[in-house]
Amino acid sequence: MRRSVLAFDRVLVLLLGLVLIVVGVAAVGWQTGFLESVWPDVPDEVTVDTGQVTEASSFAVVAGVVGSALVVIGLWWLLAHLPRRSVGSLRLPSGEQPGRLVVDPGPAVATAAQVLADDPLIRSARGAVLADRGELVVRLRATVDPDADLGAVVATCDGVLADLAHVLPAEQLRSRVELSVLRRGEVGPRVR
């Protein structure tokens, strides 16, 4: 979640909490008579004439605009709270020159997945960089044949990850390789 959404949530929840506390204290104070000692002109009962509001000529327009605005705000709020696991640019270690260097990890991970998929032991591969439990994780998913040598597959994956560590800031990333093994019936000719 972005910081702006988090800050908006906190302010909104704080204001809503304060309003609920004030309304709750006022309601209890009204029933117990305490509110009358603080506010001598407090009414004994509240009567609302809804006809003045609902029979006005502009009521339908105002209700439509307010309803539409609430729908838009509600949808924005829900979409802002969707978990985003993708990662933006990563900061590279500073060198001798002043300034800030960043790299987009997506193309590098996609290339690493393609290199992995080009290996004869691997049927297919794909990769992504995710934010997982506060860590940035390079996830490579590879599919192998059931008769593939697991040691050789692991060595291939380690080599690709080592090459990737030369391109991306390795101290900021963790890596995870997920291997899927095809069933015997799914094995077919590899198409290139």
Protein backbone atom coordinates (compact mmCIF):
# COMPACT_ATOMS: atom_id res chain seq x y z
CA MET A 1 0.00 0.00 0.00
CA ARG A 2 1.30 3.44 -0.89
CA ARG A 3 2.17 5.92 1.84
CA SER A 4 -0.41 8.44 0.66
CA VAL A 5 -3.20 5.87 0.97
CA LEU A 6 -1.93 4.80 4.38
CA ALA A 7 -1.80 8.41 5.58
CA PHE A 8 -5.31 9.05 4.21
CA ASP A 9 -6.59 5.94 6.00
CA ARG A 10 -5.07 6.98 9.30
CA VAL A 11 -6.47 10.52 9.13
CA LEU A 12 -9.90 9.28 8.07
CA VAL A 13 -10.01 6.63 10.80
CA LEU A 14 -8.86 9.18 13.39
CA LEU A 15 -11.57 11.65 12.38
CA LEU A 16 -14.23 8.94 12.23
CA GLY A 17 -13.17 7.70 15.66
CA LEU A 18 -13.33 11.19 17.14
CA VAL A 19 -16.80 11.78 15.64
CA LEU A 20 -18.05 8.47 17.01
CA ILE A 21 -16.64 9.25 20.46
CA VAL A 22 -18.26 12.70 20.51
CA VAL A 23 -21.62 11.35 19.29
CA GLY A 24 -21.48 8.47 21.77
CA VAL A 25 -20.63 10.73 24.72
CA ALA A 26 -23.35 13.18 23.65
CA ALA A 27 -25.92 10.37 23.37
CA VAL A 28 -25.04 9.00 26.81
CA GLY A 29 -24.95 12.52 28.26
CA TRP A 30 -28.34 13.30 26.73
CA GLN A 31 -29.95 10.24 28.27
CA THR A 32 -28.38 10.71 31.70
CA GLY A 33 -29.08 14.46 31.86
CA PHE A 34 -25.40 15.38 31.94
CA LEU A 35 -25.66 17.13 28.55
CA GLU A 36 -28.29 19.52 29.97
CA SER A 37 -25.84 20.79 32.60
CA VAL A 38 -23.23 21.49 29.89
CA TRP A 39 -25.69 22.79 27.26
CA PRO A 40 -28.75 24.33 28.98
CA ASP A 41 -30.72 24.76 25.73
CA VAL A 42 -30.49 21.08 24.74
CA PRO A 43 -33.84 19.97 23.27
CA ASP A 44 -35.83 17.21 24.96
CA GLU A 45 -36.47 15.57 21.62
CA VAL A 46 -35.27 16.01 18.07
CA THR A 47 -37.79 16.23 15.26
CA VAL A 48 -36.67 16.30 11.66
CA ASP A 49 -38.95 17.37 8.84
CA THR A 50 -37.61 15.33 5.92
CA GLY A 51 -40.21 16.77 3.58
CA GLN A 52 -38.34 20.07 3.36
CA VAL A 53 -35.28 18.27 2.05
CA THR A 54 -36.75 15.53 -0.14
CA GLU A 55 -39.44 17.67 -1.78
CA ALA A 56 -36.98 20.35 -2.91
CA SER A 57 -36.49 20.58 -6.67
CA SER A 58 -32.71 20.14 -6.44
CA PHE A 59 -32.84 17.06 -4.18
CA ALA A 60 -32.61 14.50 -7.01
CA VAL A 61 -29.61 16.25 -8.60
CA VAL A 62 -27.79 16.69 -5.29
CA ALA A 63 -28.51 13.09 -4.28
CA GLY A 64 -27.24 11.82 -7.65
CA VAL A 65 -24.03 13.87 -7.47
CA VAL A 66 -23.34 12.88 -3.86
CA GLY A 67 -24.12 9.22 -4.61
CA SER A 68 -21.85 9.22 -7.67
CA ALA A 69 -19.05 10.88 -5.70
CA LEU A 70 -19.38 8.30 -2.92
CA VAL A 71 -19.26 5.45 -5.46
CA VAL A 72 -16.10 6.89 -7.08
CA ILE A 73 -14.43 7.45 -3.70
CA GLY A 74 -15.41 3.95 -2.55
CA LEU A 75 -14.03 2.32 -5.70
CA TRP A 76 -10.81 4.34 -5.45
CA TRP A 77 -10.43 3.35 -1.82
CA LEU A 78 -10.97 -0.36 -2.59
CA LEU A 79 -8.55 -0.28 -5.52
CA ALA A 80 -5.95 1.55 -3.44
CA HIS A 81 -6.08 -1.27 -0.89
CA LEU A 82 -5.49 -4.07 -3.36
CA PRO A 83 -2.18 -5.72 -2.53
CA ARG A 84 0.50 -4.92 -5.05
CA ARG A 85 3.29 -7.39 -5.20
CA SER A 86 5.13 -5.90 -8.14
CA VAL A 87 8.29 -3.93 -7.58
CA GLY A 88 9.38 -0.66 -9.12
CA SER A 89 12.91 0.41 -9.85
CA LEU A 90 15.75 -0.73 -7.60
CA ARG A 91 18.51 1.57 -6.49
CA LEU A 92 21.98 0.51 -7.55
CA PRO A 93 24.99 0.99 -5.26
CA SER A 94 26.51 4.42 -5.63
CA GLY A 95 29.73 4.61 -7.54
CA GLU A 96 32.43 7.23 -7.79
CA GLN A 97 30.18 9.67 -9.65
CA PRO A 98 27.56 11.60 -7.66
CA GLY A 99 23.95 10.85 -8.47
CA ARG A 100 21.40 8.12 -8.20
CA LEU A 101 21.39 5.00 -10.36
CA VAL A 102 18.28 2.84 -10.64
CA VAL A 103 17.46 -0.29 -12.59
CA ASP A 104 14.12 -1.78 -13.59
CA PRO A 105 14.37 -5.44 -12.52
CA GLY A 106 11.60 -6.72 -14.79
CA PRO A 107 13.53 -7.01 -18.07
CA ALA A 108 16.56 -8.52 -16.32
CA VAL A 109 14.43 -11.20 -14.65
CA ALA A 110 12.55 -11.88 -17.89
CA THR A 111 15.89 -12.36 -19.67
CA ALA A 112 17.07 -14.69 -16.88
CA ALA A 113 13.89 -16.74 -17.30
CA GLN A 114 14.47 -16.89 -21.06
CA VAL A 115 18.06 -18.06 -20.54
CA LEU A 116 16.77 -20.70 -18.15
CA ALA A 117 14.11 -21.80 -20.66
CA ASP A 118 16.77 -22.12 -23.38
CA ASP A 119 18.55 -24.83 -21.40
CA PRO A 120 17.74 -28.33 -22.76
CA LEU A 121 16.86 -29.57 -19.25
CA ILE A 122 14.12 -26.95 -18.80
CA ARG A 123 10.82 -27.12 -20.72
CA SER A 124 9.68 -23.58 -19.88
CA ALA A 125 10.45 -20.81 -17.43
CA ARG A 126 9.13 -17.45 -16.38
CA GLY A 127 10.21 -14.92 -13.81
CA ALA A 128 9.03 -11.98 -11.75
CA VAL A 129 10.20 -9.71 -8.95
CA LEU A 130 7.75 -9.59 -6.04
CA ALA A 131 7.43 -7.90 -2.68
CA ASP A 132 6.83 -10.78 -0.28
CA ARG A 133 6.61 -10.21 3.48
CA GLY A 134 8.76 -7.12 3.36
CA GLU A 135 11.45 -8.72 1.18
CA LEU A 136 12.10 -8.25 -2.52
CA VAL A 137 12.12 -11.69 -4.12
CA VAL A 138 13.18 -12.80 -7.59
CA ARG A 139 10.90 -15.73 -8.37
CA LEU A 140 11.74 -18.04 -11.26
CA ARG A 141 9.24 -20.75 -12.14
CA ALA A 142 10.56 -23.57 -14.29
CA THR A 143 8.96 -26.72 -15.68
CA VAL A 144 11.09 -29.83 -16.20
CA ASP A 145 10.60 -33.32 -17.58
CA PRO A 146 10.15 -36.15 -15.06
CA ASP A 147 13.39 -37.82 -16.14
CA ALA A 148 15.51 -34.63 -15.88
CA ASP A 149 18.56 -34.78 -13.65
CA LEU A 150 17.58 -32.68 -10.63
CA GLY A 151 21.21 -31.89 -9.72
CA ALA A 152 21.88 -30.54 -13.19
CA VAL A 153 18.66 -28.50 -13.13
CA VAL A 154 19.61 -26.98 -9.75
CA ALA A 155 23.10 -26.18 -11.05
CA THR A 156 21.58 -24.48 -14.11
CA CYS A 157 19.24 -22.43 -11.90
CA ASP A 158 22.12 -21.46 -9.62
CA GLY A 159 24.15 -20.30 -12.63
CA VAL A 160 21.31 -18.16 -13.94
CA LEU A 161 20.76 -16.61 -10.49
CA ALA A 162 24.50 -15.92 -10.15
CA ASP A 163 24.47 -14.12 -13.51
CA LEU A 164 21.39 -12.19 -12.43
CA ALA A 165 23.18 -11.12 -9.23
CA HIS A 166 25.76 -9.34 -11.39
CA VAL A 167 23.02 -7.25 -13.01
CA LEU A 168 20.69 -6.51 -10.09
CA PRO A 169 21.65 -5.31 -6.60
CA ALA A 170 21.93 -8.72 -4.91
CA GLU A 171 21.94 -7.30 -1.37
CA GLN A 172 18.40 -5.98 -1.92
CA LEU A 173 16.97 -9.21 -3.36
CA ARG A 174 16.27 -12.77 -2.31
CA SER A 175 15.71 -15.50 -4.86
CA ARG A 176 13.32 -18.39 -5.13
CA VAL A 177 13.14 -21.03 -7.85
CA GLU A 178 9.98 -23.09 -8.11
CA LEU A 179 10.29 -26.28 -10.13
CA SER A 180 7.29 -28.05 -11.60
CA VAL A 181 7.71 -31.59 -12.89
CA LEU A 182 5.54 -32.70 -15.79
CA ARG A 183 3.57 -35.90 -15.42
CA ARG A 184 4.60 -38.86 -17.55
CA GLY A 185 1.56 -38.45 -19.83
CA GLU A 186 2.32 -34.78 -20.48
CA VAL A 187 5.76 -35.38 -21.92
CA GLY A 188 5.84 -34.54 -25.60
CA PRO A 189 8.25 -33.15 -28.14
CA ARG A 190 9.74 -29.82 -27.19
CA VAL A 191 8.81 -27.18 -29.73
CA ARG A 192 11.16 -24.29 -30.35
